[in-house]
Amino acid sequence: MQYFGGINKDNSDTSAYTNSKQDFDIKANDSSVEGENKVENIGVAVFKDDKLVGELSAIETTAFLSVRNKVDRFLISIPDPLSENNYLDIYVTPKSSTNIKIDTSSSSPFIKINCEFTAQIYSMTDNSKYLDPNSLNVISDSCNSYLKSILLDYLYKSSKDFKSDINGLGIFATKNFFTNTDFVDYDWEESYKNAFFDVNVETSVKSGMLINET
């Protein structure tokens, strides 16, 4: 698997998410992140048996890295539930490691993934509604729904389109088998093509305006 590259790991305040394109549309060499740090991940080339089988967009790369617990923070743009036809840029940080459980009682593994994040509104209109706890709960729900959709779409793409466990989820299935021979007989690579996924996302969103409120 080859990284080529939206996720910015710049610690300075000079980076900005321009959102010139929606998350799903951003591909390699099509960065929406500007800043002094020139090292950015904007996609993943996916290989299987030394053959290129596809490409992940920036947001799919975010999903890939989130499942692997390999991302420190990232920016997403979600529909603003408080303002129709507008979007909110949300700065997301994993709260804990992704929890993965796999049921292999049938030939179609059932993979359950739980993710927890903390988040901060990165851009907003100067409006006190974003300080209201009830409004923040609504935004958190919107963020949960968006991230769940992103993760599910990515996981099914790996299973149905790539037909490859590019996240190495099979390691979590091995505990269901008494011996390595039993696991080999299950034929994880073939079974993964028929996998079903359940994703639960819990995000606690805070208003960026809270920084200025003392």
Protein backbone atom coordinates (compact mmCIF):
# COMPACT_ATOMS: atom_id res chain seq x y z
CA MET A 1 0.00 0.00 0.00
CA GLN A 2 1.38 3.40 -0.93
CA TYR A 3 0.60 6.79 0.58
CA PHE A 4 0.81 9.67 -1.81
CA GLY A 5 -0.03 12.72 -0.60
CA GLY A 6 -6.95 15.51 3.56
CA ILE A 7 -4.92 15.20 6.63
CA ASN A 8 -2.64 17.90 7.87
CA LYS A 9 -0.34 17.32 10.84
CA ASP A 10 0.83 20.90 11.06
CA ASN A 11 0.98 22.11 14.67
CA SER A 12 1.11 25.77 13.71
CA ASP A 13 -1.88 28.10 13.40
CA THR A 14 -1.09 28.91 9.79
CA SER A 15 -2.86 25.92 8.25
CA ALA A 16 -6.38 26.39 6.95
CA TYR A 17 -9.03 24.16 5.45
CA THR A 18 -10.19 25.93 2.32
CA ASN A 19 -13.01 23.46 1.52
CA SER A 20 -12.83 24.31 -2.18
CA LYS A 21 -14.11 20.79 -2.85
CA GLN A 22 -16.20 18.43 -0.81
CA ASP A 23 -14.33 15.74 1.11
CA PHE A 24 -15.35 12.91 -1.22
CA ASP A 25 -13.97 14.72 -4.28
CA ILE A 26 -10.44 15.38 -3.05
CA LYS A 27 -7.85 13.13 -4.69
CA ALA A 28 -4.06 13.02 -4.85
CA ASN A 29 -2.44 16.33 -5.91
CA ASP A 30 -5.74 18.03 -5.13
CA SER A 31 -5.10 19.25 -1.59
CA SER A 32 -7.62 21.39 0.26
CA VAL A 33 -5.15 22.14 3.04
CA GLU A 34 -2.85 25.12 2.94
CA GLY A 35 -0.07 25.85 5.40
CA GLU A 36 3.63 25.98 6.09
CA ASN A 37 3.84 22.22 6.58
CA LYS A 38 4.28 20.67 3.15
CA VAL A 39 3.85 17.05 4.29
CA GLU A 40 0.24 16.02 3.74
CA ASN A 41 -1.59 12.75 3.09
CA ILE A 42 -4.07 13.20 0.27
CA GLY A 43 -4.72 9.65 -0.80
CA VAL A 44 -3.74 6.02 -0.85
CA ALA A 45 -2.93 3.81 -3.81
CA VAL A 46 -4.21 0.31 -3.08
CA PHE A 47 -2.32 -2.72 -4.36
CA LYS A 48 -3.28 -6.38 -4.20
CA ASP A 49 -0.82 -9.06 -5.26
CA ASP A 50 1.45 -6.31 -6.64
CA LYS A 51 -1.38 -5.02 -8.83
CA LEU A 52 -3.00 -1.60 -8.49
CA VAL A 53 -6.67 -2.16 -7.65
CA GLY A 54 -7.80 1.33 -6.71
CA GLU A 55 -7.31 4.64 -4.98
CA LEU A 56 -8.64 6.20 -1.80
CA SER A 57 -9.70 9.85 -1.71
CA ALA A 58 -8.61 12.17 1.09
CA ILE A 59 -11.63 11.42 3.26
CA GLU A 60 -11.35 7.68 2.57
CA THR A 61 -7.71 7.91 3.61
CA THR A 62 -8.91 9.51 6.85
CA ALA A 63 -11.22 6.55 7.41
CA PHE A 64 -8.42 4.10 6.62
CA LEU A 65 -6.05 5.74 9.10
CA SER A 66 -8.76 6.11 11.76
CA VAL A 67 -9.47 2.38 11.71
CA ARG A 68 -5.72 1.73 12.01
CA ASN A 69 -5.34 4.26 14.86
CA LYS A 70 -2.75 6.08 12.77
CA VAL A 71 -4.20 9.60 12.66
CA ASP A 72 -3.70 12.31 15.28
CA ARG A 73 -6.31 14.78 14.06
CA PHE A 74 -8.09 15.79 10.89
CA LEU A 75 -10.49 18.33 9.39
CA ILE A 76 -13.85 17.48 7.91
CA SER A 77 -16.68 19.58 6.50
CA ILE A 78 -20.15 18.53 7.68
CA PRO A 79 -23.64 19.88 6.93
CA ASP A 80 -24.49 22.57 9.48
CA PRO A 81 -27.70 21.39 11.19
CA LEU A 82 -28.26 24.94 12.45
CA SER A 83 -27.97 26.67 9.10
CA GLU A 84 -29.48 25.15 5.96
CA ASN A 85 -27.22 24.81 2.91
CA ASN A 86 -24.13 25.69 4.96
CA TYR A 87 -21.25 23.57 6.20
CA LEU A 88 -19.13 23.54 9.33
CA ASP A 89 -15.43 22.73 9.34
CA ILE A 90 -14.81 20.42 12.28
CA TYR A 91 -11.37 19.71 13.76
CA VAL A 92 -11.51 16.10 14.97
CA THR A 93 -9.19 14.25 17.37
CA PRO A 94 -9.49 10.56 18.29
CA LYS A 95 -10.42 10.19 21.96
CA SER A 96 -9.41 6.56 22.28
CA SER A 97 -8.25 3.66 20.16
CA THR A 98 -10.76 2.21 17.73
CA ASN A 99 -12.50 -0.82 19.20
CA ILE A 100 -12.97 -3.71 16.78
CA LYS A 101 -14.91 -6.93 17.35
CA ILE A 102 -15.52 -9.62 14.74
CA ASP A 103 -18.09 -12.41 14.70
CA THR A 104 -16.94 -15.32 12.53
CA SER A 105 -19.77 -17.72 13.34
CA SER A 106 -20.74 -17.67 9.65
CA SER A 107 -18.83 -17.48 6.38
CA SER A 108 -19.75 -13.78 6.21
CA PRO A 109 -17.87 -12.10 9.08
CA PHE A 110 -19.75 -9.42 11.02
CA ILE A 111 -17.33 -6.61 11.88
CA LYS A 112 -18.30 -4.10 14.55
CA ILE A 113 -16.25 -0.93 14.94
CA ASN A 114 -16.63 1.68 17.68
CA CYS A 115 -14.91 5.07 17.41
CA GLU A 116 -14.76 7.94 19.88
CA PHE A 117 -13.69 11.47 18.99
CA THR A 118 -13.49 14.92 20.46
CA ALA A 119 -13.98 17.80 18.08
CA GLN A 120 -13.97 21.55 17.81
CA ILE A 121 -15.77 23.80 15.38
CA TYR A 122 -12.99 25.23 13.24
CA SER A 123 -14.98 27.82 11.29
CA MET A 124 -18.36 29.38 12.00
CA THR A 125 -20.32 32.57 11.81
CA ASP A 126 -19.90 34.82 14.84
CA ASN A 127 -23.10 33.68 16.47
CA SER A 128 -23.81 32.69 20.07
CA LYS A 129 -25.96 29.74 18.93
CA TYR A 130 -22.75 27.74 18.62
CA LEU A 131 -22.19 28.15 22.36
CA ASP A 132 -25.53 26.66 23.33
CA PRO A 133 -25.10 23.11 24.74
CA ASN A 134 -28.23 21.85 22.97
CA SER A 135 -26.98 23.19 19.66
CA LEU A 136 -23.61 21.55 20.20
CA ASN A 137 -25.36 18.23 20.86
CA VAL A 138 -27.17 18.58 17.54
CA ILE A 139 -23.86 19.32 15.80
CA SER A 140 -22.29 16.31 17.52
CA ASP A 141 -25.10 14.12 16.17
CA SER A 142 -24.52 15.51 12.67
CA CYS A 143 -20.80 14.81 13.01
CA ASN A 144 -21.53 11.26 14.20
CA SER A 145 -23.81 10.60 11.25
CA TYR A 146 -21.29 12.00 8.77
CA LEU A 147 -18.33 10.04 10.13
CA LYS A 148 -20.36 6.83 10.35
CA SER A 149 -21.31 7.21 6.69
CA ILE A 150 -17.69 7.87 5.72
CA LEU A 151 -16.42 4.82 7.60
CA LEU A 152 -19.12 2.47 6.32
CA ASP A 153 -18.64 3.57 2.71
CA TYR A 154 -14.89 3.08 3.03
CA LEU A 155 -15.16 -0.34 4.67
CA TYR A 156 -17.59 -1.68 2.07
CA LYS A 157 -15.38 -0.26 -0.67
CA SER A 158 -12.45 -2.26 0.68
CA SER A 159 -14.60 -5.38 0.88
CA LYS A 160 -16.70 -5.19 -2.28
CA ASP A 161 -14.56 -3.12 -4.66
CA PHE A 162 -10.98 -3.90 -3.61
CA LYS A 163 -11.89 -7.34 -2.23
CA SER A 164 -9.00 -6.88 0.14
CA ASP A 165 -8.64 -6.41 3.90
CA ILE A 166 -6.34 -3.43 3.53
CA ASN A 167 -6.79 -2.53 7.22
CA GLY A 168 -5.62 -5.94 8.42
CA LEU A 169 -8.82 -6.55 10.37
CA GLY A 170 -8.24 -10.28 10.15
CA ILE A 171 -5.89 -10.07 13.12
CA PHE A 172 -8.95 -9.35 15.31
CA ALA A 173 -10.67 -12.45 13.96
CA THR A 174 -7.86 -14.84 14.90
CA LYS A 175 -8.94 -14.87 18.55
CA ASN A 176 -12.11 -16.69 17.46
CA PHE A 177 -10.13 -19.75 16.38
CA PHE A 178 -8.39 -22.37 18.52
CA THR A 179 -5.58 -23.01 16.04
CA ASN A 180 -3.94 -21.29 13.12
CA THR A 181 -5.14 -24.15 10.91
CA ASP A 182 -8.74 -23.33 11.87
CA PHE A 183 -8.18 -19.71 10.84
CA VAL A 184 -6.57 -20.73 7.55
CA ASP A 185 -9.49 -23.06 6.84
CA TYR A 186 -11.91 -20.16 7.42
CA ASP A 187 -10.16 -18.42 4.49
CA TRP A 188 -10.32 -14.87 5.80
CA GLU A 189 -9.29 -13.28 2.52
CA GLU A 190 -12.20 -14.88 0.71
CA SER A 191 -14.64 -14.39 3.60
CA TYR A 192 -13.83 -10.68 3.87
CA LYS A 193 -15.43 -10.13 0.46
CA ASN A 194 -18.76 -11.07 2.08
CA ALA A 195 -18.27 -9.09 5.29
CA PHE A 196 -20.95 -6.99 6.95
CA PHE A 197 -20.07 -3.90 8.99
CA ASP A 198 -21.61 -2.04 11.89
CA VAL A 199 -20.04 1.28 12.87
CA ASN A 200 -20.80 3.34 15.95
CA VAL A 201 -19.33 6.84 16.30
CA GLU A 202 -19.43 9.00 19.41
CA THR A 203 -18.21 12.57 18.98
CA SER A 204 -18.19 15.37 21.53
CA VAL A 205 -18.13 18.69 19.68
CA LYS A 206 -17.13 21.93 21.36
CA SER A 207 -17.45 25.40 19.95
CA GLY A 208 -14.22 27.07 18.85
CA MET A 209 -15.71 30.24 20.30
CA LEU A 210 -15.19 28.75 23.76
CA ILE A 211 -11.52 29.62 23.44
CA ASN A 212 -12.43 33.30 23.52
CA GLU A 213 -14.94 32.99 26.32
CA THR A 214 -13.47 33.50 29.79
